[in-house]
C-alpha atoms as a PDB file:
ATOM      1  CA  MET A   1     121.940   3.214 -92.976  1.00  0.00           C
ATOM      2  CA  ASP A   2     120.863   2.553 -89.378  1.00  0.00           C
ATOM      3  CA  LEU A   3     120.190  -1.041 -88.394  1.00  0.00           C
ATOM      4  CA  SER A   4     116.561  -0.321 -87.533  1.00  0.00           C
ATOM      5  CA  VAL A   5     116.005   1.289 -90.931  1.00  0.00           C
ATOM      6  CA  TRP A   6     117.698  -1.609 -92.702  1.00  0.00           C
ATOM      7  CA  LEU A   7     115.593  -4.184 -90.840  1.00  0.00           C
ATOM      8  CA  THR A   8     112.454  -2.402 -92.011  1.00  0.00           C
ATOM      9  CA  PHE A   9     113.700  -2.392 -95.592  1.00  0.00           C
ATOM     10  CA  PHE A  10     114.761  -6.041 -95.248  1.00  0.00           C
ATOM     11  CA  ALA A  11     111.204  -6.976 -94.263  1.00  0.00           C
ATOM     12  CA  ALA A  12     109.810  -4.954 -97.171  1.00  0.00           C
ATOM     13  CA  SER A  13     112.224  -6.699 -99.547  1.00  0.00           C
ATOM     14  CA  TRP A  14     110.747 -10.094 -98.690  1.00  0.00           C
ATOM     15  CA  ALA A  15     107.270  -8.846 -99.493  1.00  0.00           C
ATOM     16  CA  ILE A  16     108.519  -7.404-102.776  1.00  0.00           C
ATOM     17  CA  SER A  17     110.266 -10.622-103.792  1.00  0.00           C
ATOM     18  CA  LEU A  18     107.351 -12.869-102.813  1.00  0.00           C
ATOM     19  CA  SER A  19     104.751 -10.838-104.701  1.00  0.00           C
ATOM     20  CA  PRO A  20     103.775 -12.543-107.984  1.00  0.00           C
ATOM     21  CA  GLY A  21     105.131 -10.912-111.108  1.00  0.00           C
ATOM     22  CA  ALA A  22     107.043 -11.462-114.319  1.00  0.00           C
ATOM     23  CA  GLY A  23     110.165 -12.466-112.383  1.00  0.00           C
ATOM     24  CA  ALA A  24     108.343 -15.222-110.498  1.00  0.00           C
ATOM     25  CA  ILE A  25     106.775 -16.450-113.745  1.00  0.00           C
ATOM     26  CA  ALA A  26     110.203 -16.533-115.406  1.00  0.00           C
ATOM     27  CA  ALA A  27     111.754 -18.428-112.491  1.00  0.00           C
ATOM     28  CA  MET A  28     108.993 -21.047-112.478  1.00  0.00           C
ATOM     29  CA  SER A  29     109.054 -21.378-116.251  1.00  0.00           C
ATOM     30  CA  SER A  30     112.811 -21.995-116.209  1.00  0.00           C
ATOM     31  CA  GLY A  31     112.527 -24.488-113.358  1.00  0.00           C
ATOM     32  CA  LEU A  32     109.804 -26.361-115.209  1.00  0.00           C
ATOM     33  CA  ASN A  33     111.593 -26.454-118.546  1.00  0.00           C
ATOM     34  CA  HIS A  34     115.216 -26.816-117.485  1.00  0.00           C
ATOM     35  CA  GLY A  35     115.284 -28.188-113.945  1.00  0.00           C
ATOM     36  CA  PHE A  36     116.683 -26.390-110.912  1.00  0.00           C
ATOM     37  CA  ARG A  37     120.429 -26.408-111.629  1.00  0.00           C
ATOM     38  CA  ARG A  38     120.099 -24.891-115.094  1.00  0.00           C
ATOM     39  CA  GLY A  39     116.864 -22.981-114.574  1.00  0.00           C
ATOM     40  CA  TYR A  40     118.297 -21.057-111.617  1.00  0.00           C
ATOM     41  CA  PHE A  41     120.512 -19.134-114.038  1.00  0.00           C
ATOM     42  CA  THR A  42     117.397 -17.127-114.934  1.00  0.00           C
ATOM     43  CA  THR A  43     117.438 -15.837-111.357  1.00  0.00           C
ATOM     44  CA  PHE A  44     121.001 -14.579-111.808  1.00  0.00           C
ATOM     45  CA  GLY A  45     119.699 -12.562-114.755  1.00  0.00           C
ATOM     46  CA  LEU A  46     116.804 -11.245-112.682  1.00  0.00           C
ATOM     47  CA  ILE A  47     119.322 -10.114-110.067  1.00  0.00           C
ATOM     48  CA  LEU A  48     121.385  -8.303-112.699  1.00  0.00           C
ATOM     49  CA  GLY A  49     118.162  -6.600-113.811  1.00  0.00           C
ATOM     50  CA  ILE A  50     117.518  -5.424-110.250  1.00  0.00           C
ATOM     51  CA  LEU A  51     121.054  -4.067-109.995  1.00  0.00           C
ATOM     52  CA  THR A  52     120.558  -2.278-113.327  1.00  0.00           C
ATOM     53  CA  GLN A  53     117.443  -0.597-111.921  1.00  0.00           C
ATOM     54  CA  VAL A  54     119.258   0.394-108.702  1.00  0.00           C
ATOM     55  CA  VAL A  55     122.128   1.915-110.703  1.00  0.00           C
ATOM     56  CA  LEU A  56     119.704   3.833-112.931  1.00  0.00           C
ATOM     57  CA  VAL A  57     117.826   5.225-109.946  1.00  0.00           C
ATOM     58  CA  GLY A  58     121.017   5.985-108.043  1.00  0.00           C
ATOM     59  CA  ALA A  59     122.466   7.832-111.028  1.00  0.00           C
ATOM     60  CA  GLY A  60     119.288   9.869-111.462  1.00  0.00           C
ATOM     61  CA  LEU A  61     118.416   8.296-114.821  1.00  0.00           C
ATOM     62  CA  GLY A  62     115.445   6.532-113.267  1.00  0.00           C
ATOM     63  CA  ALA A  63     113.921   9.866-112.297  1.00  0.00           C
ATOM     64  CA  LEU A  64     114.444  11.099-115.849  1.00  0.00           C
ATOM     65  CA  ILE A  65     112.671   8.058-117.302  1.00  0.00           C
ATOM     66  CA  ALA A  66     109.790   8.407-114.843  1.00  0.00           C
ATOM     67  CA  ALA A  67     109.438  12.132-115.563  1.00  0.00           C
ATOM     68  CA  SER A  68     109.712  11.904-119.360  1.00  0.00           C
ATOM     69  CA  SER A  69     106.581  10.703-121.120  1.00  0.00           C
ATOM     70  CA  MET A  70     108.571   9.566-124.149  1.00  0.00           C
ATOM     71  CA  GLY A  71     111.282   7.803-122.141  1.00  0.00           C
ATOM     72  CA  PHE A  72     108.730   6.086-119.936  1.00  0.00           C
ATOM     73  CA  ALA A  73     106.690   4.933-122.937  1.00  0.00           C
ATOM     74  CA  ILE A  74     109.733   3.538-124.751  1.00  0.00           C
ATOM     75  CA  VAL A  75     110.847   1.503-121.753  1.00  0.00           C
ATOM     76  CA  LYS A  76     107.314   0.338-120.987  1.00  0.00           C
ATOM     77  CA  TRP A  77     106.515  -0.869-124.481  1.00  0.00           C
ATOM     78  CA  LEU A  78     109.879  -2.576-124.818  1.00  0.00           C
ATOM     79  CA  GLY A  79     109.006  -4.482-121.660  1.00  0.00           C
ATOM     80  CA  VAL A  80     105.520  -5.303-122.936  1.00  0.00           C
ATOM     81  CA  ALA A  81     106.851  -6.524-126.286  1.00  0.00           C
ATOM     82  CA  TYR A  82     109.479  -8.705-124.622  1.00  0.00           C
ATOM     83  CA  LEU A  83     107.026 -10.365-122.222  1.00  0.00           C
ATOM     84  CA  VAL A  84     104.517 -11.021-125.003  1.00  0.00           C
ATOM     85  CA  TRP A  85     107.287 -12.448-127.195  1.00  0.00           C
ATOM     86  CA  LEU A  86     108.322 -14.785-124.366  1.00  0.00           C
ATOM     87  CA  GLY A  87     104.699 -15.834-123.952  1.00  0.00           C
ATOM     88  CA  ILE A  88     104.226 -16.636-127.642  1.00  0.00           C
ATOM     89  CA  ALA A  89     107.511 -18.557-127.729  1.00  0.00           C
ATOM     90  CA  GLN A  90     106.490 -20.582-124.643  1.00  0.00           C
ATOM     91  CA  TRP A  91     103.003 -21.204-126.067  1.00  0.00           C
ATOM     92  CA  ARG A  92     104.467 -22.522-129.325  1.00  0.00           C
ATOM     93  CA  ALA A  93     107.217 -24.595-127.678  1.00  0.00           C
ATOM     94  CA  PRO A  94     107.240 -28.240-128.821  1.00  0.00           C
ATOM     95  CA  ALA A  95     105.584 -30.739-126.481  1.00  0.00           C
ATOM     96  CA  LYS A  96     108.678 -32.878-125.975  1.00  0.00           C
ATOM     97  CA  PRO A  97     109.927 -34.535-122.790  1.00  0.00           C
ATOM     98  CA  MET A  98     111.980 -32.306-120.524  1.00  0.00           C
ATOM     99  CA  VAL A  99     115.743 -32.628-120.954  1.00  0.00           C
ATOM    100  CA  ALA A 100     116.781 -30.401-118.102  1.00  0.00           C
ATOM    101  CA  GLU A 101     119.695 -32.495-116.855  1.00  0.00           C
ATOM    102  CA  SER A 102     120.675 -34.328-120.026  1.00  0.00           C
ATOM    103  CA  GLY A 103     123.087 -31.734-121.364  1.00  0.00           C
ATOM    104  CA  ASP A 104     121.372 -31.690-124.737  1.00  0.00           C
ATOM    105  CA  ALA A 105     123.293 -29.320-127.024  1.00  0.00           C
ATOM    106  CA  SER A 106     120.028 -27.930-128.401  1.00  0.00           C
ATOM    107  CA  MET A 107     118.953 -26.686-124.984  1.00  0.00           C
ATOM    108  CA  VAL A 108     118.788 -23.014-124.141  1.00  0.00           C
ATOM    109  CA  THR A 109     122.213 -21.977-122.876  1.00  0.00           C
ATOM    110  CA  ARG A 110     122.908 -20.623-119.412  1.00  0.00           C
ATOM    111  CA  ARG A 111     123.905 -17.299-120.957  1.00  0.00           C
ATOM    112  CA  GLN A 112     120.559 -17.080-122.746  1.00  0.00           C
ATOM    113  CA  LEU A 113     118.733 -17.766-119.484  1.00  0.00           C
ATOM    114  CA  VAL A 114     120.720 -15.032-117.721  1.00  0.00           C
ATOM    115  CA  LEU A 115     120.017 -12.540-120.513  1.00  0.00           C
ATOM    116  CA  ARG A 116     116.322 -13.433-120.468  1.00  0.00           C
ATOM    117  CA  GLY A 117     116.113 -12.805-116.735  1.00  0.00           C
ATOM    118  CA  TRP A 118     118.050  -9.551-117.016  1.00  0.00           C
ATOM    119  CA  ALA A 119     115.788  -8.207-119.751  1.00  0.00           C
ATOM    120  CA  ILE A 120     112.632  -8.998-117.749  1.00  0.00           C
ATOM    121  CA  ASN A 121     113.714  -6.910-114.766  1.00  0.00           C
ATOM    122  CA  ALA A 122     115.814  -4.252-116.496  1.00  0.00           C
ATOM    123  CA  VAL A 123     113.182  -3.243-119.070  1.00  0.00           C
ATOM    124  CA  ASN A 124     110.411  -2.736-116.536  1.00  0.00           C
ATOM    125  CA  PRO A 125     109.407   0.812-115.592  1.00  0.00           C
ATOM    126  CA  LYS A 126     107.386  -0.536-112.669  1.00  0.00           C
ATOM    127  CA  GLY A 127     110.678  -1.418-110.991  1.00  0.00           C
ATOM    128  CA  THR A 128     112.028   2.066-111.646  1.00  0.00           C
ATOM    129  CA  VAL A 129     108.927   3.758-110.264  1.00  0.00           C
ATOM    130  CA  PHE A 130     108.937   1.460-107.243  1.00  0.00           C
ATOM    131  CA  LEU A 131     112.553   2.274-106.419  1.00  0.00           C
ATOM    132  CA  LEU A 132     111.903   5.980-106.852  1.00  0.00           C
ATOM    133  CA  ALA A 133     108.822   5.853-104.620  1.00  0.00           C
ATOM    134  CA  VAL A 134     110.005   3.513-101.874  1.00  0.00           C
ATOM    135  CA  VAL A 135     113.794   3.698-101.618  1.00  0.00           C
ATOM    136  CA  PRO A 136     114.012   7.415-100.698  1.00  0.00           C
ATOM    137  CA  GLN A 137     112.065   6.648 -97.517  1.00  0.00           C
ATOM    138  CA  PHE A 138     115.004   4.556 -96.311  1.00  0.00           C
ATOM    139  CA  LEU A 139     117.802   6.932 -97.341  1.00  0.00           C
ATOM    140  CA  ASP A 140     119.669   9.289 -95.062  1.00  0.00           C
ATOM    141  CA  LEU A 141     120.074  12.278 -97.365  1.00  0.00           C
ATOM    142  CA  HIS A 142     122.715  13.773 -95.059  1.00  0.00           C
ATOM    143  CA  ALA A 143     125.016  10.759 -95.528  1.00  0.00           C
ATOM    144  CA  ALA A 144     126.811   9.404 -98.601  1.00  0.00           C
ATOM    145  CA  LEU A 145     124.203   7.869-100.919  1.00  0.00           C
ATOM    146  CA  ALA A 146     126.403   5.376-102.804  1.00  0.00           C
ATOM    147  CA  PRO A 147     126.974   3.058 -99.798  1.00  0.00           C
ATOM    148  CA  GLN A 148     123.273   3.186 -98.985  1.00  0.00           C
ATOM    149  CA  TYR A 149     122.309   2.212-102.530  1.00  0.00           C
ATOM    150  CA  LEU A 150     124.869  -0.590-102.307  1.00  0.00           C
ATOM    151  CA  VAL A 151     123.177  -1.932 -99.163  1.00  0.00           C
ATOM    152  CA  ILE A 152     119.735  -1.588-100.756  1.00  0.00           C
ATOM    153  CA  GLY A 153     120.846  -3.390-103.915  1.00  0.00           C
ATOM    154  CA  ALA A 154     122.500  -6.190-101.938  1.00  0.00           C
ATOM    155  CA  THR A 155     119.390  -6.623 -99.780  1.00  0.00           C
ATOM    156  CA  LEU A 156     117.056  -6.836-102.769  1.00  0.00           C
ATOM    157  CA  CYS A 157     119.409  -9.305-104.465  1.00  0.00           C
ATOM    158  CA  PHE A 158     119.618 -11.552-101.405  1.00  0.00           C
ATOM    159  CA  THR A 159     115.871 -11.827-100.904  1.00  0.00           C
ATOM    160  CA  ASP A 160     115.297 -12.411-104.628  1.00  0.00           C
ATOM    161  CA  LEU A 161     117.964 -15.133-104.733  1.00  0.00           C
ATOM    162  CA  VAL A 162     116.190 -16.996-101.936  1.00  0.00           C
ATOM    163  CA  VAL A 163     112.622 -16.475-103.114  1.00  0.00           C
ATOM    164  CA  MET A 164     113.317 -17.243-106.776  1.00  0.00           C
ATOM    165  CA  ALA A 165     115.170 -20.391-105.714  1.00  0.00           C
ATOM    166  CA  GLY A 166     111.935 -21.477-104.068  1.00  0.00           C
ATOM    167  CA  TYR A 167     109.889 -20.706-107.168  1.00  0.00           C
ATOM    168  CA  THR A 168     112.394 -22.498-109.405  1.00  0.00           C
ATOM    169  CA  VAL A 169     112.668 -25.669-107.322  1.00  0.00           C
ATOM    170  CA  LEU A 170     108.883 -25.785-106.875  1.00  0.00           C
ATOM    171  CA  ALA A 171     108.399 -25.790-110.634  1.00  0.00           C
ATOM    172  CA  ALA A 172     111.297 -28.200-111.178  1.00  0.00           C
ATOM    173  CA  LYS A 173     109.568 -30.736-108.926  1.00  0.00           C
ATOM    174  CA  VAL A 174     106.724 -30.783-111.435  1.00  0.00           C
ATOM    175  CA  LEU A 175     109.124 -32.238-114.018  1.00  0.00           C
ATOM    176  CA  ALA A 176     108.643 -35.748-112.652  1.00  0.00           C
ATOM    177  CA  ALA A 177     104.886 -35.524-113.194  1.00  0.00           C
ATOM    178  CA  LEU A 178     105.150 -34.328-116.794  1.00  0.00           C
ATOM    179  CA  ARG A 179     105.337 -37.469-118.876  1.00  0.00           C
ATOM    180  CA  SER A 180     102.898 -37.142-121.740  1.00  0.00           C
ATOM    181  CA  PRO A 181     103.085 -34.587-124.583  1.00  0.00           C
ATOM    182  CA  SER A 182      99.622 -33.338-123.627  1.00  0.00           C
ATOM    183  CA  HIS A 183     100.797 -32.499-120.090  1.00  0.00           C
ATOM    184  CA  ILE A 184     103.843 -30.689-121.422  1.00  0.00           C
ATOM    185  CA  LYS A 185     101.823 -28.776-124.012  1.00  0.00           C
ATOM    186  CA  THR A 186      99.353 -27.696-121.339  1.00  0.00           C
ATOM    187  CA  MET A 187     102.103 -26.394-119.044  1.00  0.00           C
ATOM    188  CA  ASN A 188     103.803 -24.584-121.925  1.00  0.00           C
ATOM    189  CA  ARG A 189     100.558 -22.838-122.736  1.00  0.00           C
ATOM    190  CA  VAL A 190      99.872 -22.003-119.086  1.00  0.00           C
ATOM    191  CA  PHE A 191     103.235 -20.272-118.713  1.00  0.00           C
ATOM    192  CA  GLY A 192     102.940 -18.703-122.151  1.00  0.00           C
ATOM    193  CA  SER A 193      99.592 -17.238-121.135  1.00  0.00           C
ATOM    194  CA  LEU A 194     101.070 -15.969-117.860  1.00  0.00           C
ATOM    195  CA  PHE A 195     103.849 -14.136-119.698  1.00  0.00           C
ATOM    196  CA  ILE A 196     101.335 -12.559-122.074  1.00  0.00           C
ATOM    197  CA  ALA A 197      99.113 -11.590-119.124  1.00  0.00           C
ATOM    198  CA  ALA A 198     102.113  -9.987-117.395  1.00  0.00           C
ATOM    199  CA  GLY A 199     102.784  -8.020-120.576  1.00  0.00           C
ATOM    200  CA  ALA A 200      99.148  -6.928-120.736  1.00  0.00           C
ATOM    201  CA  LEU A 201      99.263  -5.741-117.128  1.00  0.00           C
ATOM    202  CA  LEU A 202     102.447  -3.812-117.804  1.00  0.00           C
ATOM    203  CA  ALA A 203     100.732  -2.169-120.784  1.00  0.00           C
ATOM    204  CA  THR A 204      98.130  -0.709-118.402  1.00  0.00           C
ATOM    205  CA  PHE A 205     100.789   0.735-116.073  1.00  0.00           C
ATOM    206  CA  LYS A 206     100.799   4.526-116.183  1.00  0.00           C
ATOM    207  CA  ARG A 207     103.440   7.071-115.271  1.00  0.00           C
ATOM    208  CA  ALA A 208     102.803   8.762-111.969  1.00  0.00           C
ATOM    209  CA  ALA A 209     101.614  12.313-112.310  1.00  0.00           C
END
C-alpha cells in the first residue's frame, strides 16, 4: 500500500473510530462502571471484533454474508439481540457504589469484558458491509492482498485503541461524581437505553442491494 493511500485511509480510520456507535457506548459504559484500568479491557475485545471482521472480509466470507439474505439476517439479529440484552442488563443493574478499583471478587472479570467487546463488533453486519464498501478503494488488486489487509487491520486497531481510551477515561472521570444510588441508577438506565437504541438502529439496517 502506497504511503499516500495509507495516509488517506488513516484519516478515514479516525473518523470511523470517533463516530458514535455501539463500541463507543460499550467503552463509556465500562469506564463508568469499572474505572479506566479495568474498563479498558472492553476496548481490547472491540479490537478483536474488528480483526474478526477484517479476517472475514479478507477471506471472502464477509461478501458471502452480505450477499446471502439468510446469512445477513442471522448475523444482524444476533447483534440486535446481544445489544438489547446488554441494555436490559445495564438497566436492571443494582444502584450500588462503583467498585472499579477495589478488586471485588463479584466484579465482572477482565475476560468477560473482552468477550463483551468482541461480541459487539464481531456480530455486527454494519462493520462487514462497511469493510466491503470502503476497504476495496484502498487496495492494490495487482499486489498481494494479505499484507494490505494486515496494514488496514493494524490501522483500524490503532485508531480504535486511542479513541476508545478517550471514551473510557471520560466516563471513568464521572465515577467521582456518582455518590448516591439515584445518580448511579440514572446512569445505568441511560447506558441501558443507549444499548437498546443501538440494537434498534441495527434492526433497521438493510442489506445493500
